[in-house]
Amino acid sequence: MALEKVIETDGASIAIWQIEESIEELNTMLDGSIVEKIAEKYSNEKRIREQLISHILIKELLGESKEITHLPNGAPQIEGEDKFISISHSRKSIAVAISDKPIGIDIEEIDRKQYKLHKRFTTPNEQKWIEANSTPHQKQLISAIIWSTKEAIYKLANIEGLLFESEIEITPFSPTEPNHAIQFNATYRNTPCKCQLLVVSCQLLVISFDN
């Protein structure tokens, strides 16, 4: 079983799974009815594996199996539960957060493309923040943090068409303690929100809540 970590933070429970098992192995960890519904709905192996793990993590956090349904805009919700859920995938991990209040999460590997493409998703102030850093590593790190934060906030806000490059802005900070949770602020459409940055298995995990 590749449950990597469970984090309790600010009214939310977050479980992270390192993707290792085959679909057959994952099937044995869930109720047969949920396995059947996933197999009926999805044909792509990657999507099936993501769905199975997401359901396994919900079972881990709630103590019982629950189905995931989706709102018309694609946002996930837990059937029969008055709770909020956010799900994120990277190449090697899946993270699920369950909270009593709206939440958005993103798990992200640091990649050179984030700096290469940063002008597509950053505001002018964020571009100044990136370029104020002296080393390529720092520029790449800040670019990755901005991208991951905006992904998390997009899920939190649940506003279709929210623009990364102009309607979400992160307040600059110094990520000087990668082994500790860092609190920072951001806004979307002038609505303030609070964010938390953690590093899990060399990946960025950003959690966002409304203030």
N, C-alpha and C. Protein backbone atom coordinates (compact mmCIF):
# COMPACT_ATOMS: atom_id res chain seq x y z
N MET A 1 0.85 -1.20 0.00
CA MET A 1 0.00 0.00 0.00
C MET A 1 0.88 1.23 0.00
N ALA A 2 0.63 2.16 -0.93
CA ALA A 2 1.53 3.30 -1.11
C ALA A 2 0.96 4.60 -0.56
N LEU A 3 0.22 4.51 0.56
CA LEU A 3 -0.21 5.73 1.23
C LEU A 3 1.04 6.42 1.76
N GLU A 4 1.32 7.59 1.25
CA GLU A 4 2.58 8.25 1.57
C GLU A 4 2.49 9.11 2.81
N LYS A 5 1.38 9.84 2.95
CA LYS A 5 1.31 10.79 4.05
C LYS A 5 -0.14 11.23 4.26
N VAL A 6 -0.50 11.48 5.52
CA VAL A 6 -1.77 12.13 5.84
C VAL A 6 -1.45 13.39 6.63
N ILE A 7 -2.00 14.51 6.18
CA ILE A 7 -1.71 15.80 6.78
C ILE A 7 -3.01 16.38 7.33
N GLU A 8 -2.97 16.88 8.55
CA GLU A 8 -4.11 17.59 9.13
C GLU A 8 -3.72 19.05 9.23
N THR A 9 -4.51 19.93 8.57
CA THR A 9 -4.16 21.34 8.57
C THR A 9 -5.39 22.20 8.40
N ASP A 10 -5.56 23.18 9.26
CA ASP A 10 -6.58 24.22 9.12
C ASP A 10 -7.97 23.66 8.77
N GLY A 11 -8.38 22.65 9.50
CA GLY A 11 -9.71 22.10 9.27
C GLY A 11 -9.82 21.15 8.11
N ALA A 12 -8.71 20.77 7.52
CA ALA A 12 -8.72 19.86 6.37
C ALA A 12 -7.86 18.63 6.64
N SER A 13 -8.27 17.53 6.04
CA SER A 13 -7.46 16.31 6.06
C SER A 13 -7.00 16.03 4.63
N ILE A 14 -5.71 15.81 4.46
CA ILE A 14 -5.14 15.62 3.13
C ILE A 14 -4.36 14.31 3.13
N ALA A 15 -4.65 13.45 2.17
CA ALA A 15 -3.94 12.19 2.03
C ALA A 15 -3.22 12.16 0.69
N ILE A 16 -1.99 11.64 0.69
CA ILE A 16 -1.17 11.62 -0.51
C ILE A 16 -0.74 10.18 -0.78
N TRP A 17 -0.86 9.78 -2.02
CA TRP A 17 -0.58 8.41 -2.43
C TRP A 17 0.48 8.42 -3.52
N GLN A 18 1.51 7.62 -3.34
CA GLN A 18 2.53 7.46 -4.37
C GLN A 18 2.09 6.35 -5.33
N ILE A 19 2.00 6.67 -6.61
CA ILE A 19 1.44 5.75 -7.60
C ILE A 19 2.45 4.64 -7.90
N GLU A 20 2.12 3.42 -7.48
CA GLU A 20 3.00 2.27 -7.69
C GLU A 20 2.25 1.03 -8.15
N GLU A 21 1.03 0.85 -7.66
CA GLU A 21 0.30 -0.40 -7.86
C GLU A 21 -0.31 -0.51 -9.25
N SER A 22 -0.58 -1.75 -9.61
CA SER A 22 -1.33 -2.01 -10.84
C SER A 22 -2.81 -1.77 -10.57
N ILE A 23 -3.58 -1.69 -11.64
CA ILE A 23 -5.03 -1.54 -11.50
C ILE A 23 -5.61 -2.74 -10.75
N GLU A 24 -5.10 -3.92 -11.04
CA GLU A 24 -5.60 -5.12 -10.38
C GLU A 24 -5.38 -5.05 -8.86
N GLU A 25 -4.21 -4.57 -8.45
CA GLU A 25 -3.93 -4.45 -7.02
C GLU A 25 -4.84 -3.41 -6.38
N LEU A 26 -5.07 -2.30 -7.07
CA LEU A 26 -5.92 -1.24 -6.53
C LEU A 26 -7.37 -1.71 -6.40
N ASN A 27 -7.81 -2.53 -7.35
CA ASN A 27 -9.19 -3.02 -7.31
C ASN A 27 -9.51 -3.75 -6.01
N THR A 28 -8.51 -4.42 -5.44
CA THR A 28 -8.75 -5.21 -4.23
C THR A 28 -8.93 -4.34 -2.99
N MET A 29 -8.65 -3.04 -3.11
CA MET A 29 -8.73 -2.14 -1.96
C MET A 29 -10.05 -1.41 -1.86
N LEU A 30 -10.97 -1.67 -2.81
CA LEU A 30 -12.24 -0.95 -2.84
C LEU A 30 -13.42 -1.91 -2.94
N ASP A 31 -14.59 -1.39 -2.61
CA ASP A 31 -15.82 -2.16 -2.78
C ASP A 31 -16.02 -2.46 -4.26
N GLY A 32 -16.53 -3.65 -4.54
CA GLY A 32 -16.71 -4.07 -5.92
C GLY A 32 -17.61 -3.16 -6.73
N SER A 33 -18.64 -2.58 -6.10
CA SER A 33 -19.57 -1.72 -6.84
C SER A 33 -18.87 -0.47 -7.36
N ILE A 34 -17.96 0.11 -6.56
CA ILE A 34 -17.24 1.29 -7.00
C ILE A 34 -16.26 0.93 -8.11
N VAL A 35 -15.59 -0.20 -7.98
CA VAL A 35 -14.66 -0.66 -9.01
C VAL A 35 -15.40 -0.83 -10.34
N GLU A 36 -16.58 -1.42 -10.28
CA GLU A 36 -17.36 -1.65 -11.50
C GLU A 36 -17.77 -0.33 -12.15
N LYS A 37 -18.20 0.62 -11.36
CA LYS A 37 -18.63 1.91 -11.91
C LYS A 37 -17.47 2.65 -12.56
N ILE A 38 -16.29 2.57 -11.95
CA ILE A 38 -15.11 3.21 -12.54
C ILE A 38 -14.76 2.55 -13.87
N ALA A 39 -14.81 1.22 -13.90
CA ALA A 39 -14.48 0.48 -15.13
C ALA A 39 -15.48 0.78 -16.24
N GLU A 40 -16.74 1.01 -15.87
CA GLU A 40 -17.76 1.33 -16.87
C GLU A 40 -17.58 2.74 -17.43
N LYS A 41 -17.12 3.65 -16.58
CA LYS A 41 -17.05 5.06 -16.97
C LYS A 41 -15.78 5.42 -17.71
N TYR A 42 -14.66 4.74 -17.38
CA TYR A 42 -13.37 5.11 -17.95
C TYR A 42 -12.74 3.92 -18.68
N SER A 43 -12.04 4.23 -19.77
CA SER A 43 -11.33 3.19 -20.53
C SER A 43 -9.82 3.39 -20.50
N ASN A 44 -9.38 4.63 -20.29
CA ASN A 44 -7.95 4.94 -20.24
C ASN A 44 -7.36 4.43 -18.92
N GLU A 45 -6.27 3.66 -19.00
CA GLU A 45 -5.68 3.07 -17.79
C GLU A 45 -5.22 4.12 -16.79
N LYS A 46 -4.66 5.20 -17.28
CA LYS A 46 -4.20 6.26 -16.38
C LYS A 46 -5.37 6.86 -15.60
N ARG A 47 -6.48 7.13 -16.30
CA ARG A 47 -7.65 7.68 -15.64
C ARG A 47 -8.26 6.68 -14.65
N ILE A 48 -8.28 5.41 -15.03
CA ILE A 48 -8.81 4.39 -14.11
C ILE A 48 -7.98 4.34 -12.84
N ARG A 49 -6.66 4.35 -12.99
CA ARG A 49 -5.79 4.29 -11.82
C ARG A 49 -6.00 5.54 -10.94
N GLU A 50 -6.10 6.71 -11.55
CA GLU A 50 -6.32 7.94 -10.78
C GLU A 50 -7.64 7.88 -10.01
N GLN A 51 -8.68 7.37 -10.67
CA GLN A 51 -9.98 7.28 -10.01
C GLN A 51 -9.96 6.29 -8.85
N LEU A 52 -9.33 5.15 -9.08
CA LEU A 52 -9.24 4.16 -8.01
C LEU A 52 -8.51 4.71 -6.79
N ILE A 53 -7.38 5.35 -7.03
CA ILE A 53 -6.60 5.88 -5.91
C ILE A 53 -7.36 7.00 -5.20
N SER A 54 -8.03 7.86 -5.96
CA SER A 54 -8.81 8.94 -5.35
C SER A 54 -9.87 8.36 -4.42
N HIS A 55 -10.55 7.30 -4.85
CA HIS A 55 -11.56 6.66 -4.01
C HIS A 55 -10.92 5.99 -2.78
N ILE A 56 -9.75 5.39 -2.97
CA ILE A 56 -9.05 4.77 -1.84
C ILE A 56 -8.69 5.82 -0.80
N LEU A 57 -8.25 6.99 -1.24
CA LEU A 57 -7.87 8.05 -0.30
C LEU A 57 -9.09 8.61 0.43
N ILE A 58 -10.22 8.71 -0.26
CA ILE A 58 -11.45 9.12 0.42
C ILE A 58 -11.80 8.12 1.51
N LYS A 59 -11.68 6.84 1.19
CA LYS A 59 -11.96 5.79 2.19
C LYS A 59 -11.00 5.92 3.37
N GLU A 60 -9.74 6.23 3.10
CA GLU A 60 -8.75 6.41 4.16
C GLU A 60 -9.13 7.58 5.07
N LEU A 61 -9.61 8.68 4.48
CA LEU A 61 -9.89 9.89 5.25
C LEU A 61 -11.24 9.83 5.97
N LEU A 62 -12.23 9.18 5.37
CA LEU A 62 -13.57 9.15 5.95
C LEU A 62 -13.88 7.85 6.68
N GLY A 63 -13.06 6.82 6.46
CA GLY A 63 -13.30 5.55 7.12
C GLY A 63 -14.29 4.65 6.42
N GLU A 64 -14.78 5.08 5.25
CA GLU A 64 -15.71 4.27 4.47
C GLU A 64 -15.65 4.70 3.01
N SER A 65 -16.07 3.81 2.13
CA SER A 65 -16.07 4.11 0.71
C SER A 65 -17.20 5.07 0.37
N LYS A 66 -16.90 6.02 -0.50
CA LYS A 66 -17.89 6.99 -0.98
C LYS A 66 -17.66 7.22 -2.47
N GLU A 67 -18.75 7.46 -3.17
CA GLU A 67 -18.62 7.75 -4.59
C GLU A 67 -18.27 9.21 -4.82
N ILE A 68 -17.53 9.46 -5.89
CA ILE A 68 -17.23 10.82 -6.32
C ILE A 68 -18.17 11.17 -7.47
N THR A 69 -18.91 12.25 -7.31
CA THR A 69 -19.72 12.77 -8.41
C THR A 69 -19.14 14.11 -8.83
N HIS A 70 -19.66 14.68 -9.90
CA HIS A 70 -19.12 15.93 -10.40
C HIS A 70 -20.23 16.93 -10.69
N LEU A 71 -19.97 18.18 -10.37
CA LEU A 71 -20.88 19.26 -10.71
C LEU A 71 -20.82 19.51 -12.22
N PRO A 72 -21.76 20.27 -12.77
CA PRO A 72 -21.74 20.54 -14.22
C PRO A 72 -20.43 21.11 -14.74
N ASN A 73 -19.70 21.86 -13.89
CA ASN A 73 -18.42 22.44 -14.32
C ASN A 73 -17.24 21.48 -14.13
N GLY A 74 -17.53 20.26 -13.67
CA GLY A 74 -16.47 19.27 -13.50
C GLY A 74 -15.89 19.17 -12.11
N ALA A 75 -16.25 20.09 -11.22
CA ALA A 75 -15.71 20.06 -9.85
C ALA A 75 -16.21 18.82 -9.12
N PRO A 76 -15.32 18.11 -8.40
CA PRO A 76 -15.73 16.89 -7.70
C PRO A 76 -16.50 17.18 -6.43
N GLN A 77 -17.35 16.24 -6.05
CA GLN A 77 -18.00 16.29 -4.75
C GLN A 77 -18.20 14.86 -4.26
N ILE A 78 -18.32 14.70 -2.94
CA ILE A 78 -18.50 13.37 -2.36
C ILE A 78 -19.98 13.13 -2.17
N GLU A 79 -20.46 12.09 -2.79
CA GLU A 79 -21.89 11.79 -2.73
C GLU A 79 -22.32 11.52 -1.29
N GLY A 80 -23.37 12.23 -0.85
CA GLY A 80 -23.94 12.00 0.47
C GLY A 80 -23.17 12.63 1.62
N GLU A 81 -22.17 13.47 1.32
CA GLU A 81 -21.36 14.10 2.38
C GLU A 81 -21.44 15.62 2.25
N ASP A 82 -21.67 16.30 3.36
CA ASP A 82 -21.70 17.76 3.37
C ASP A 82 -20.29 18.28 3.63
N LYS A 83 -19.37 17.86 2.78
CA LYS A 83 -17.98 18.27 2.89
C LYS A 83 -17.44 18.67 1.52
N PHE A 84 -16.35 19.42 1.53
CA PHE A 84 -15.71 19.85 0.30
C PHE A 84 -14.51 18.96 0.00
N ILE A 85 -14.28 18.73 -1.27
CA ILE A 85 -13.17 17.87 -1.68
C ILE A 85 -12.38 18.55 -2.79
N SER A 86 -11.09 18.35 -2.78
CA SER A 86 -10.22 18.79 -3.88
C SER A 86 -9.23 17.67 -4.17
N ILE A 87 -8.97 17.44 -5.45
CA ILE A 87 -8.11 16.34 -5.89
C ILE A 87 -7.05 16.88 -6.83
N SER A 88 -5.83 16.37 -6.69
CA SER A 88 -4.75 16.80 -7.59
C SER A 88 -3.87 15.60 -7.94
N HIS A 89 -3.36 15.60 -9.18
CA HIS A 89 -2.47 14.54 -9.65
C HIS A 89 -1.15 15.12 -10.11
N SER A 90 -0.08 14.44 -9.84
CA SER A 90 1.20 14.69 -10.50
C SER A 90 1.60 13.40 -11.19
N ARG A 91 2.77 13.37 -11.79
CA ARG A 91 3.17 12.14 -12.47
C ARG A 91 3.36 10.97 -11.50
N LYS A 92 3.73 11.27 -10.25
CA LYS A 92 4.03 10.17 -9.32
C LYS A 92 3.14 10.11 -8.09
N SER A 93 2.25 11.10 -7.92
CA SER A 93 1.43 11.12 -6.70
C SER A 93 0.02 11.61 -7.00
N ILE A 94 -0.89 11.25 -6.09
CA ILE A 94 -2.25 11.78 -6.10
C ILE A 94 -2.54 12.28 -4.69
N ALA A 95 -3.14 13.47 -4.60
CA ALA A 95 -3.49 14.05 -3.31
C ALA A 95 -4.99 14.32 -3.28
N VAL A 96 -5.60 14.02 -2.15
CA VAL A 96 -7.02 14.29 -1.93
C VAL A 96 -7.16 15.05 -0.63
N ALA A 97 -7.90 16.16 -0.66
CA ALA A 97 -8.18 16.95 0.54
C ALA A 97 -9.68 16.96 0.79
N ILE A 98 -10.06 16.77 2.04
CA ILE A 98 -11.46 16.84 2.45
C ILE A 98 -11.55 17.85 3.59
N SER A 99 -12.52 18.76 3.48
CA SER A 99 -12.60 19.86 4.43
C SER A 99 -14.06 20.23 4.68
N ASP A 100 -14.30 20.88 5.83
CA ASP A 100 -15.64 21.39 6.13
C ASP A 100 -15.92 22.71 5.42
N LYS A 101 -14.90 23.30 4.81
CA LYS A 101 -15.08 24.56 4.08
C LYS A 101 -14.40 24.45 2.72
N PRO A 102 -14.73 25.35 1.79
CA PRO A 102 -14.13 25.28 0.45
C PRO A 102 -12.60 25.22 0.52
N ILE A 103 -12.03 24.40 -0.34
CA ILE A 103 -10.59 24.17 -0.34
C ILE A 103 -10.13 23.88 -1.77
N GLY A 104 -8.91 24.25 -2.06
CA GLY A 104 -8.29 23.86 -3.32
C GLY A 104 -6.87 23.40 -3.05
N ILE A 105 -6.45 22.31 -3.69
CA ILE A 105 -5.07 21.84 -3.52
C ILE A 105 -4.45 21.57 -4.88
N ASP A 106 -3.13 21.60 -4.89
CA ASP A 106 -2.38 21.19 -6.08
C ASP A 106 -1.07 20.57 -5.65
N ILE A 107 -0.73 19.44 -6.24
CA ILE A 107 0.57 18.82 -6.01
C ILE A 107 1.32 18.86 -7.33
N GLU A 108 2.56 19.31 -7.28
CA GLU A 108 3.27 19.65 -8.51
C GLU A 108 4.76 19.34 -8.38
N GLU A 109 5.31 18.75 -9.42
CA GLU A 109 6.76 18.63 -9.51
C GLU A 109 7.34 19.92 -10.08
N ILE A 110 8.54 20.25 -9.66
CA ILE A 110 9.20 21.44 -10.20
C ILE A 110 9.80 21.08 -11.55
N ASP A 111 9.44 21.85 -12.57
CA ASP A 111 9.82 21.52 -13.94
C ASP A 111 10.32 22.79 -14.63
N ARG A 112 11.28 22.64 -15.50
CA ARG A 112 11.83 23.81 -16.21
C ARG A 112 10.77 24.55 -17.02
N LYS A 113 9.76 23.84 -17.49
CA LYS A 113 8.76 24.48 -18.35
C LYS A 113 7.98 25.56 -17.60
N GLN A 114 7.91 25.44 -16.27
CA GLN A 114 7.16 26.44 -15.51
C GLN A 114 7.81 27.81 -15.62
N TYR A 115 9.15 27.86 -15.59
CA TYR A 115 9.81 29.15 -15.79
C TYR A 115 9.78 29.55 -17.26
N LYS A 116 9.97 28.60 -18.13
CA LYS A 116 9.98 28.88 -19.57
C LYS A 116 8.67 29.52 -20.02
N LEU A 117 7.56 29.08 -19.42
CA LEU A 117 6.23 29.54 -19.85
C LEU A 117 5.59 30.52 -18.87
N HIS A 118 6.36 31.02 -17.90
CA HIS A 118 5.73 31.75 -16.80
C HIS A 118 4.97 33.00 -17.23
N LYS A 119 5.37 33.64 -18.31
CA LYS A 119 4.69 34.88 -18.72
C LYS A 119 3.26 34.62 -19.19
N ARG A 120 2.94 33.36 -19.46
CA ARG A 120 1.59 33.02 -19.87
C ARG A 120 0.61 32.97 -18.70
N PHE A 121 1.12 32.82 -17.46
CA PHE A 121 0.21 32.67 -16.33
C PHE A 121 0.51 33.60 -15.16
N THR A 122 1.44 34.55 -15.33
CA THR A 122 1.80 35.45 -14.24
C THR A 122 1.39 36.89 -14.53
N THR A 123 1.12 37.62 -13.46
CA THR A 123 0.85 39.05 -13.56
C THR A 123 2.18 39.80 -13.66
N PRO A 124 2.16 41.08 -14.06
CA PRO A 124 3.42 41.85 -14.09
C PRO A 124 4.15 41.85 -12.74
N ASN A 125 3.42 41.97 -11.64
CA ASN A 125 4.07 41.96 -10.32
C ASN A 125 4.73 40.62 -10.04
N GLU A 126 4.09 39.53 -10.43
CA GLU A 126 4.68 38.20 -10.23
C GLU A 126 5.91 38.01 -11.11
N GLN A 127 5.90 38.56 -12.31
CA GLN A 127 7.07 38.48 -13.17
C GLN A 127 8.26 39.20 -12.55
N LYS A 128 8.01 40.35 -11.92
CA LYS A 128 9.08 41.07 -11.21
C LYS A 128 9.61 40.23 -10.05
N TRP A 129 8.72 39.56 -9.35
CA TRP A 129 9.11 38.69 -8.23
C TRP A 129 10.02 37.57 -8.73
N ILE A 130 9.66 36.95 -9.82
CA ILE A 130 10.49 35.88 -10.38
C ILE A 130 11.87 36.41 -10.77
N GLU A 131 11.89 37.49 -11.52
CA GLU A 131 13.16 37.99 -12.05
C GLU A 131 14.04 38.63 -10.98
N ALA A 132 13.46 38.96 -9.83
CA ALA A 132 14.27 39.53 -8.74
C ALA A 132 15.16 38.49 -8.09
N ASN A 133 14.89 37.20 -8.37
CA ASN A 133 15.72 36.14 -7.83
C ASN A 133 16.95 35.94 -8.71
N SER A 134 18.09 35.74 -8.09
CA SER A 134 19.36 35.79 -8.81
C SER A 134 19.75 34.49 -9.51
N THR A 135 19.27 33.34 -9.02
CA THR A 135 19.73 32.07 -9.58
C THR A 135 18.64 31.41 -10.42
N PRO A 136 19.03 30.62 -11.43
CA PRO A 136 18.03 29.89 -12.22
C PRO A 136 17.15 28.98 -11.37
N HIS A 137 17.76 28.36 -10.33
CA HIS A 137 16.97 27.48 -9.47
C HIS A 137 15.86 28.24 -8.77
N GLN A 138 16.17 29.42 -8.23
CA GLN A 138 15.16 30.22 -7.53
C GLN A 138 14.07 30.70 -8.49
N LYS A 139 14.47 31.11 -9.68
CA LYS A 139 13.47 31.54 -10.67
C LYS A 139 12.52 30.39 -11.00
N GLN A 140 13.09 29.21 -11.16
CA GLN A 140 12.29 28.03 -11.48
C GLN A 140 11.37 27.68 -10.30
N LEU A 141 11.90 27.75 -9.08
CA LEU A 141 11.11 27.43 -7.90
C LEU A 141 9.93 28.39 -7.74
N ILE A 142 10.18 29.70 -7.86
CA ILE A 142 9.12 30.67 -7.71
C ILE A 142 8.07 30.48 -8.80
N SER A 143 8.51 30.21 -10.02
CA SER A 143 7.57 29.98 -11.12
C SER A 143 6.67 28.78 -10.81
N ALA A 144 7.27 27.72 -10.28
CA ALA A 144 6.51 26.52 -9.94
C ALA A 144 5.51 26.80 -8.81
N ILE A 145 5.93 27.56 -7.82
CA ILE A 145 5.04 27.90 -6.71
C ILE A 145 3.85 28.72 -7.21
N ILE A 146 4.12 29.68 -8.09
CA ILE A 146 3.03 30.50 -8.63
C ILE A 146 2.05 29.64 -9.41
N TRP A 147 2.57 28.78 -10.28
CA TRP A 147 1.70 27.92 -11.07
C TRP A 147 0.85 27.01 -10.18
N SER A 148 1.50 26.36 -9.21
CA SER A 148 0.79 25.42 -8.33
C SER A 148 -0.26 26.15 -7.49
N THR A 149 0.09 27.33 -7.00
CA THR A 149 -0.86 28.11 -6.20
C THR A 149 -2.08 28.50 -7.02
N LYS A 150 -1.85 28.90 -8.27
CA LYS A 150 -2.99 29.31 -9.10
C LYS A 150 -3.87 28.11 -9.46
N GLU A 151 -3.26 26.94 -9.61
CA GLU A 151 -4.06 25.73 -9.82
C GLU A 151 -4.95 25.47 -8.60
N ALA A 152 -4.37 25.60 -7.41
CA ALA A 152 -5.13 25.36 -6.18
C ALA A 152 -6.24 26.40 -6.01
N ILE A 153 -5.93 27.66 -6.29
CA ILE A 153 -6.93 28.72 -6.13
C ILE A 153 -8.05 28.58 -7.15
N TYR A 154 -7.72 28.14 -8.35
CA TYR A 154 -8.76 27.93 -9.37
C TYR A 154 -9.78 26.91 -8.88
N LYS A 155 -9.30 25.85 -8.22
CA LYS A 155 -10.21 24.85 -7.67
C LYS A 155 -11.00 25.41 -6.49
N LEU A 156 -10.33 26.20 -5.66
CA LEU A 156 -11.01 26.82 -4.52
C LEU A 156 -12.12 27.75 -4.98
N ALA A 157 -11.81 28.63 -5.93
CA ALA A 157 -12.75 29.66 -6.36
C ALA A 157 -13.95 29.06 -7.09
N ASN A 158 -13.70 28.00 -7.88
CA ASN A 158 -14.78 27.34 -8.62
C ASN A 158 -15.52 28.34 -9.51
N ILE A 159 -14.74 29.20 -10.17
CA ILE A 159 -15.30 30.21 -11.09
C ILE A 159 -14.84 29.87 -12.49
N GLU A 160 -15.76 29.51 -13.34
CA GLU A 160 -15.40 29.14 -14.71
C GLU A 160 -14.80 30.35 -15.43
N GLY A 161 -13.67 30.12 -16.10
CA GLY A 161 -13.05 31.19 -16.88
C GLY A 161 -12.15 32.12 -16.09
N LEU A 162 -11.87 31.80 -14.82
CA LEU A 162 -10.97 32.62 -14.01
C LEU A 162 -9.59 32.63 -14.66
N LEU A 163 -9.05 33.84 -14.91
CA LEU A 163 -7.81 33.98 -15.67
C LEU A 163 -6.59 33.97 -14.75
N PHE A 164 -5.67 33.04 -15.01
CA PHE A 164 -4.46 32.94 -14.21
C PHE A 164 -3.61 34.20 -14.31
N GLU A 165 -3.48 34.75 -15.51
CA GLU A 165 -2.51 35.81 -15.77
C GLU A 165 -2.97 37.19 -15.32
N SER A 166 -4.25 37.34 -14.93
CA SER A 166 -4.72 38.67 -14.55
C SER A 166 -5.67 38.69 -13.37
N GLU A 167 -6.32 37.57 -13.05
CA GLU A 167 -7.35 37.59 -12.02
C GLU A 167 -6.95 36.84 -10.75
N ILE A 168 -5.80 36.18 -10.77
CA ILE A 168 -5.25 35.55 -9.56
C ILE A 168 -3.86 36.13 -9.34
N GLU A 169 -3.59 36.61 -8.13
CA GLU A 169 -2.25 37.17 -7.87
C GLU A 169 -1.76 36.72 -6.51
N ILE A 170 -0.51 36.28 -6.48
CA ILE A 170 0.13 35.80 -5.25
C ILE A 170 0.97 36.93 -4.67
N THR A 171 0.85 37.14 -3.37
CA THR A 171 1.70 38.12 -2.68
C THR A 171 3.09 37.53 -2.54
N PRO A 172 4.14 38.21 -3.03
CA PRO A 172 5.49 37.65 -2.97
C PRO A 172 5.93 37.29 -1.55
N PHE A 173 6.69 36.22 -1.44
CA PHE A 173 7.27 35.79 -0.17
C PHE A 173 8.56 35.05 -0.48
N SER A 174 9.32 34.72 0.55
CA SER A 174 10.59 34.02 0.38
C SER A 174 10.45 32.58 0.86
N PRO A 175 10.45 31.61 -0.04
CA PRO A 175 10.34 30.20 0.37
C PRO A 175 11.69 29.67 0.86
N THR A 176 12.10 30.15 2.03
CA THR A 176 13.45 29.85 2.52
C THR A 176 13.50 28.60 3.39
N GLU A 177 12.35 28.05 3.78
CA GLU A 177 12.34 26.89 4.66
C GLU A 177 11.55 25.76 4.01
N PRO A 178 12.12 25.08 3.02
CA PRO A 178 11.36 24.08 2.27
C PRO A 178 10.90 22.89 3.09
N ASN A 179 11.49 22.68 4.28
CA ASN A 179 11.09 21.54 5.11
C ASN A 179 9.98 21.90 6.11
N HIS A 180 9.49 23.12 6.04
CA HIS A 180 8.45 23.57 6.95
C HIS A 180 7.30 24.17 6.15
N ALA A 181 6.10 24.10 6.70
CA ALA A 181 4.95 24.71 6.03
C ALA A 181 5.12 26.23 6.03
N ILE A 182 4.83 26.84 4.90
CA ILE A 182 4.93 28.29 4.75
C ILE A 182 3.55 28.84 4.45
N GLN A 183 3.11 29.84 5.23
CA GLN A 183 1.85 30.50 5.00
C GLN A 183 2.08 31.73 4.12
N PHE A 184 1.19 31.95 3.17
CA PHE A 184 1.28 33.16 2.35
C PHE A 184 -0.10 33.53 1.85
N ASN A 185 -0.20 34.69 1.21
CA ASN A 185 -1.50 35.23 0.81
C ASN A 185 -1.62 35.37 -0.70
N ALA A 186 -2.86 35.43 -1.15
CA ALA A 186 -3.13 35.62 -2.57
C ALA A 186 -4.53 36.22 -2.70
N THR A 187 -4.90 36.60 -3.92
CA THR A 187 -6.25 37.08 -4.20
C THR A 187 -6.72 36.49 -5.52
N TYR A 188 -8.04 36.35 -5.66
CA TYR A 188 -8.63 36.05 -6.96
C TYR A 188 -9.84 36.97 -7.13
N ARG A 189 -9.84 37.70 -8.24
CA ARG A 189 -10.87 38.72 -8.49
C ARG A 189 -11.06 39.60 -7.25
N ASN A 190 -9.94 40.01 -6.67
CA ASN A 190 -9.88 40.88 -5.50
C ASN A 190 -10.44 40.26 -4.22
N THR A 191 -10.67 38.95 -4.24
CA THR A 191 -11.08 38.23 -3.04
C THR A 191 -9.84 37.65 -2.36
N PRO A 192 -9.58 38.01 -1.10
CA PRO A 192 -8.38 37.48 -0.44
C PRO A 192 -8.53 36.01 -0.08
N CYS A 193 -7.43 35.29 -0.17
CA CYS A 193 -7.41 33.90 0.29
C CYS A 193 -6.05 33.63 0.93
N LYS A 194 -6.01 32.59 1.74
CA LYS A 194 -4.76 32.23 2.40
C LYS A 194 -4.29 30.89 1.85
N CYS A 195 -2.99 30.75 1.76
CA CYS A 195 -2.40 29.56 1.16
C CYS A 195 -1.31 29.00 2.07
N GLN A 196 -1.04 27.73 1.87
CA GLN A 196 0.01 27.06 2.62
C GLN A 196 0.84 26.23 1.64
N LEU A 197 2.14 26.32 1.76
CA LEU A 197 3.06 25.58 0.91
C LEU A 197 3.81 24.56 1.74
N LEU A 198 3.78 23.30 1.28
CA LEU A 198 4.57 22.24 1.89
C LEU A 198 5.35 21.54 0.79
N VAL A 199 6.41 20.85 1.19
CA VAL A 199 7.18 20.02 0.26
C VAL A 199 7.00 18.57 0.69
N VAL A 200 6.49 17.74 -0.24
CA VAL A 200 6.24 16.33 0.04
C VAL A 200 6.94 15.51 -1.04
N SER A 201 7.94 14.73 -0.65
CA SER A 201 8.69 13.89 -1.60
C SER A 201 9.19 14.70 -2.79
N CYS A 202 9.81 15.83 -2.49
CA CYS A 202 10.40 16.72 -3.50
C CYS A 202 9.36 17.32 -4.44
N GLN A 203 8.10 17.30 -4.03
CA GLN A 203 7.04 17.94 -4.79
C GLN A 203 6.43 19.08 -3.97
N LEU A 204 5.91 20.08 -4.67
CA LEU A 204 5.21 21.17 -4.01
C LEU A 204 3.77 20.76 -3.76
N LEU A 205 3.28 21.02 -2.55
CA LEU A 205 1.87 20.85 -2.24
C LEU A 205 1.35 22.20 -1.75
N VAL A 206 0.39 22.75 -2.50
CA VAL A 206 -0.20 24.04 -2.11
C VAL A 206 -1.65 23.81 -1.74
N ILE A 207 -2.04 24.39 -0.61
CA ILE A 207 -3.41 24.31 -0.08
C ILE A 207 -3.94 25.72 -0.03
N SER A 208 -5.17 25.94 -0.50
CA SER A 208 -5.74 27.29 -0.48
C SER A 208 -7.13 27.28 0.16
N PHE A 209 -7.39 28.30 0.99
CA PHE A 209 -8.68 28.51 1.63
C PHE A 209 -9.08 29.97 1.46
N ASP A 210 -10.38 30.25 1.47
CA ASP A 210 -10.83 31.63 1.58
C ASP A 210 -10.50 32.16 2.97
N ASN A 211 -10.27 33.46 3.06
CA ASN A 211 -10.02 34.08 4.38
C ASN A 211 -11.30 34.06 5.21
